[in-house]
Every structure is written in C-alpha cells, then in structure tokens.
Amino acid sequence: MNMPSLPDVTIDWENLGFSYQRTHCHLEHVWRDGAWGPGRLKKSPYLKLHIAATALHYGQSAFEGLKAFCCQDGHLRVFRPQMNARRMNLTARRTCMPEIPEALFLAAIRKVVIANRNFVPPYGTGGSLYIRPLLFGSGAQIGVSPANEYIFLILVTPVGAYYKRGLKPVRAVVFDDYDRAAPLGMGHVKVAGNYAASLEPHLKAHEQGFAVELYLDAKTHRYIEEFGTSNFIGITRDGRYVTPKSPSILPSVTNDTLQTLAKDMGMNVEARQVAFDEVLEMSEVGACGTAVVITPVHEIVHGRTVIRVGPEDGCGPVLEKLYKRVTAIQYGEVPDPHGWCVSLL
C-alpha cells in the first residue's frame, strides 16, 4: 500500500507516560437529519461547540478506549475493536444518541490510526497508540430532550508501558459513603457522567494513600461491583477465576479477554454475584482494564477491616501468566487463536 509520508516526530519512546500528547489529527463524523456524514481528519485539537449543546447541559456523552500496537512482525494491529463498537452502541441506545454502524466505527479507527501511524510506539518499547472514540450531543437543546445533531470523533495519542519494571501491586479502599452507580441506573454503559461521579472518591482515596477505590453494590453494600475505572477479578485458592456479575457493572473488553484465556488454560471461570467476604478466600486479586490490562491488588481496606491478598512486591503467578498472555497476543509474539487482532498495515 502506497501512502504519503508523514512529518517526522521526535519522541522519547522509552519514557512515555499515560497522558495526552498531541498528534497530527483526529477524525470527526457529524450526524444530522438521520444520517452520519463523511469522516474528516481535523488538525486542530479544539472543537467549536454550541453553548446549548446537550453534552454540556444534559450529559449526552459517551466514550471508549482501545489500543493499536506495532507488532513483532512489523504489522500495525488494533485489539478487539468490534467489542468497543458494540459497547459504544449500547451506551448510545441508553442515552438516546444515534448508533454508529460497526463498519463506520472500524473504518474510522483505521483512517485515523494510519494518519497518525508514526506516533505508534515501536515494537519493544512496551508502548501503544491509545485510541479514544467519543460520541456526544452537539445540537442545541434547552429543554430536557435528545439533541438533533451529534459528533462522533476519534482522537489518538501514544502511551507508554504502564509498568516499566514489572507488575506493581497496589492498595485499595472501600468507601461506604460513595456508590458508583444506582442499581437501575447507567453503571453498565460508558457515559462520561459515571466518571464524573467517581472523581471525588478517587481523589479521597489518593489522599489516604490508596491507588484505587473498590465499590460495593449500592443496594446492600454486601457484594463487590468493580474498582473505580476497572473490573474486579479474583483467583481463589483452589484456582478458580471469579469476577462479579451485575447489571450495574461496565462489561469490560479486557475482562472478557482474560476470562477466555483463563478457560484456555483449563481454569473454571465464574461470573456471578461475589460477596465482599469472599476476598478472604482469594489468593490473588486484580483490577483489569484497557490502560493496564491487570493491576494486582495486595491489600483492601474496608473501615477497620484490612485484607491482605497476594504478594506485596509483585504479581501473583496466575494473574502474571494471564497478563503476559494478553500482551503477547497484542504484540503478535504468539498466535491469536481467537482472531482478536485486526490488522491495519
């Protein structure tokens, strides 16, 4: 494939963090009169938005997160974008926004990643190109009702390896005076408002020396839901993979991936209601999500109760094996038996 050359970029690939860095462009589609318009690459990272846009007033805003990888064989691949497309459309339906055809979603990712291909960290650096699709109401509306215009855009930015010196376990805290989502609310979709609700407890957790906060169910505060930005996974002492199942939990692409790989390894996988007390019977606990894949958790504090699980100086053997398996597939170091990786170049 012959493609035009891109301007040179100077990046310290070995010291990339997980933060926004401006790239050549983002891609934008506009929905009007019942149809999505063509995708256009935009160089400016700023938007011109109506002051009465529903995203600003009524929270009509949804996003996704996924990654593109420069693989061992030189190919550029995206990991499981179809699942992100389906999840974004689940959120769109719940928030009365127009759905995005999966073909359009995938074509948009391809176009914007290729346009910024020299921002993809080279193989061997542990980095990737983070992809952030965003859908929001841009039409003017003062009454509480859906907009008549929407913007779907995708920005990309290079990010480094989250763990440069191996998986580092963290401490987590349970706050009884915060709930992540209402039982019949919007915890199962990726709306911006869910993250706004988590900002204060997340800051409070950091101030108290905890990396993450763990939420229990809003109705009884007896059952585990998920961490602030990640699903909960636990490995029991008899080797079962256990993760909470609840209508208030965001369905995680990473968790789905890990469950499949755990089954491939011969493990029993249980997605079910998980009582908080069950942590006492677990040998490993982790938070899983796109940014980190797995964050091992070695201590959970709930009031005066302190539960220590797994090693304090590293990752447990099962979670580490799963982590290495996922990343090896993403970078093309081992076969991809489930066809998760979509080749762009």
Foldseek 3Di string as FASTA:
>chain_A
DDDDDDDDDDDPLLDFAPDFDQFQWKWKWKDAPHDIDDIDTDRDPDDDFDPQFCCVVPQFKFKDKWWWAQFPVRFIWTFQVLVVLVQQQVSCVVSVHDRDPSVNSVVNVLVRCVNRVNQARHPPSQKTKMKMWMKGGRAGDDPPDGHRMMMIMIDIHIGGANDPPAFAAWEEEEDPVAAQAAQPGALQHGTPVSLVSCPVVCVVCVVVRGNWYWHAHPPPSFWTAAISAFFKWFAFPVGAIEGEDGPNHHDAPLVVLLQVVSVVVVHHYYHYTGTPVCVLRTQWMWTAHNRNSTHTYQWYYYPPDIHGHYDNGHHDPVVVVSVVVVVCVSNVVDDDVVPRIDTSD
